[in-house]
């Protein structure tokens, strides 16, 4: 597995409904393939989440860290990192 460790994939599988109406993956392999296809990224902190959104042109200047963490594209990982998936 690339940058998506098992913990990351399990978190995505469990919480994918926060971003998608219907499941996009049912197994770890499907989750990894989906995340690779949409070029999801794992970042270390909410500051990096904000940097990522700024780089893609999203207007996040006025968003608090709590609002960033609650964005549907942001999955909080158990290890304290963040998975960002663009739906």
Protein backbone atom coordinates (compact mmCIF):
# COMPACT_ATOMS: atom_id res chain seq x y z
CA UNK A 1 0.00 0.00 0.00
CA UNK A 2 1.25 3.44 -0.88
CA UNK A 3 0.79 6.35 1.49
CA UNK A 4 -2.54 4.95 2.64
CA UNK A 5 -1.89 2.67 5.59
CA UNK A 6 -4.50 0.25 6.89
CA UNK A 7 -5.67 2.71 9.54
CA UNK A 8 -6.27 5.34 6.85
CA UNK A 9 -8.17 2.92 4.61
CA UNK A 10 -10.33 1.64 7.45
CA UNK A 11 -11.18 5.20 8.50
CA UNK A 12 -12.19 6.05 4.94
CA UNK A 13 -14.32 2.90 4.60
CA UNK A 14 -16.07 3.57 7.90
CA UNK A 15 -16.72 7.28 7.24
CA UNK A 16 -17.11 7.54 3.46
CA UNK A 17 -20.77 8.48 3.88
CA UNK A 18 -19.71 11.92 5.16
CA UNK A 19 -18.71 12.73 1.59
CA UNK A 20 -20.63 10.32 -0.63
CA UNK A 21 -24.33 9.37 -0.70
CA UNK A 22 -23.51 5.78 -1.63
CA UNK A 23 -20.47 3.66 -0.77
CA UNK A 24 -17.62 4.00 -3.25
CA UNK A 25 -15.60 1.13 -1.74
CA UNK A 26 -16.31 -1.98 0.30
CA UNK A 27 -12.87 -3.52 0.79
CA UNK A 28 -9.43 -2.20 1.69
CA UNK A 29 -8.28 -2.82 -1.88
CA UNK A 30 -11.22 -0.89 -3.34
CA UNK A 31 -10.64 1.95 -0.88
CA UNK A 32 -6.97 2.17 -1.80
CA UNK A 33 -7.76 2.13 -5.53
CA UNK A 34 -10.40 4.83 -5.10
CA UNK A 35 -8.11 7.07 -3.03
CA UNK A 36 -5.32 6.66 -5.58
CA UNK A 37 -7.68 7.46 -8.46
CA UNK A 38 -8.88 10.70 -6.88
CA UNK A 39 -5.37 11.54 -5.66
CA UNK A 40 -6.37 11.83 -2.02
CA UNK A 41 -3.64 13.15 0.26
CA UNK A 42 -2.62 12.57 3.85
CA UNK A 43 -1.35 15.60 5.73
CA UNK A 44 0.11 16.05 9.19
CA UNK A 45 -1.91 18.96 10.60
CA UNK A 46 -4.87 21.31 10.15
CA UNK A 47 -2.41 23.95 8.98
CA UNK A 48 -1.48 21.61 6.13
CA UNK A 49 -5.19 21.00 5.44
CA UNK A 50 -5.62 24.76 5.05
CA UNK A 51 -2.52 25.00 2.83
CA UNK A 52 -3.86 22.20 0.62
CA UNK A 53 -7.22 23.92 0.14
CA UNK A 54 -5.51 27.25 -0.58
CA UNK A 55 -3.31 25.59 -3.21
CA UNK A 56 -6.34 24.25 -5.06
CA UNK A 57 -8.01 27.65 -4.96
CA UNK A 58 -10.60 27.09 -2.23
CA UNK A 59 -11.57 30.12 -0.17
CA UNK A 60 -10.68 29.00 3.34
CA UNK A 61 -9.25 32.26 4.68
CA UNK A 62 -12.12 32.83 7.11
CA UNK A 63 -12.52 29.18 8.14
CA UNK A 64 -11.57 28.19 11.68
CA UNK A 65 -9.57 25.05 12.37
CA UNK A 66 -12.77 23.42 13.66
CA UNK A 67 -14.57 24.25 10.41
CA UNK A 68 -11.69 22.83 8.38
CA UNK A 69 -11.74 19.64 10.44
CA UNK A 70 -15.51 19.31 9.90
CA UNK A 71 -15.33 19.75 6.11
CA UNK A 72 -16.84 16.74 4.37
CA UNK A 73 -13.61 16.21 2.38
CA UNK A 74 -11.50 15.94 5.53
CA UNK A 75 -11.24 12.64 7.38
CA UNK A 76 -9.61 12.75 10.81
CA UNK A 77 -7.31 9.76 11.22
CA UNK A 78 -6.76 8.04 14.58
CA UNK A 79 -3.04 8.86 14.44
CA UNK A 80 -3.75 12.61 14.39
CA UNK A 81 -3.19 13.07 10.65
CA UNK A 82 -5.82 14.06 8.09
CA UNK A 83 -6.96 12.40 4.88
CA UNK A 84 -8.29 14.83 2.25
CA UNK A 85 -10.53 13.34 -0.43
CA UNK A 86 -11.94 15.47 -3.21
CA UNK A 87 -15.34 14.12 -4.12
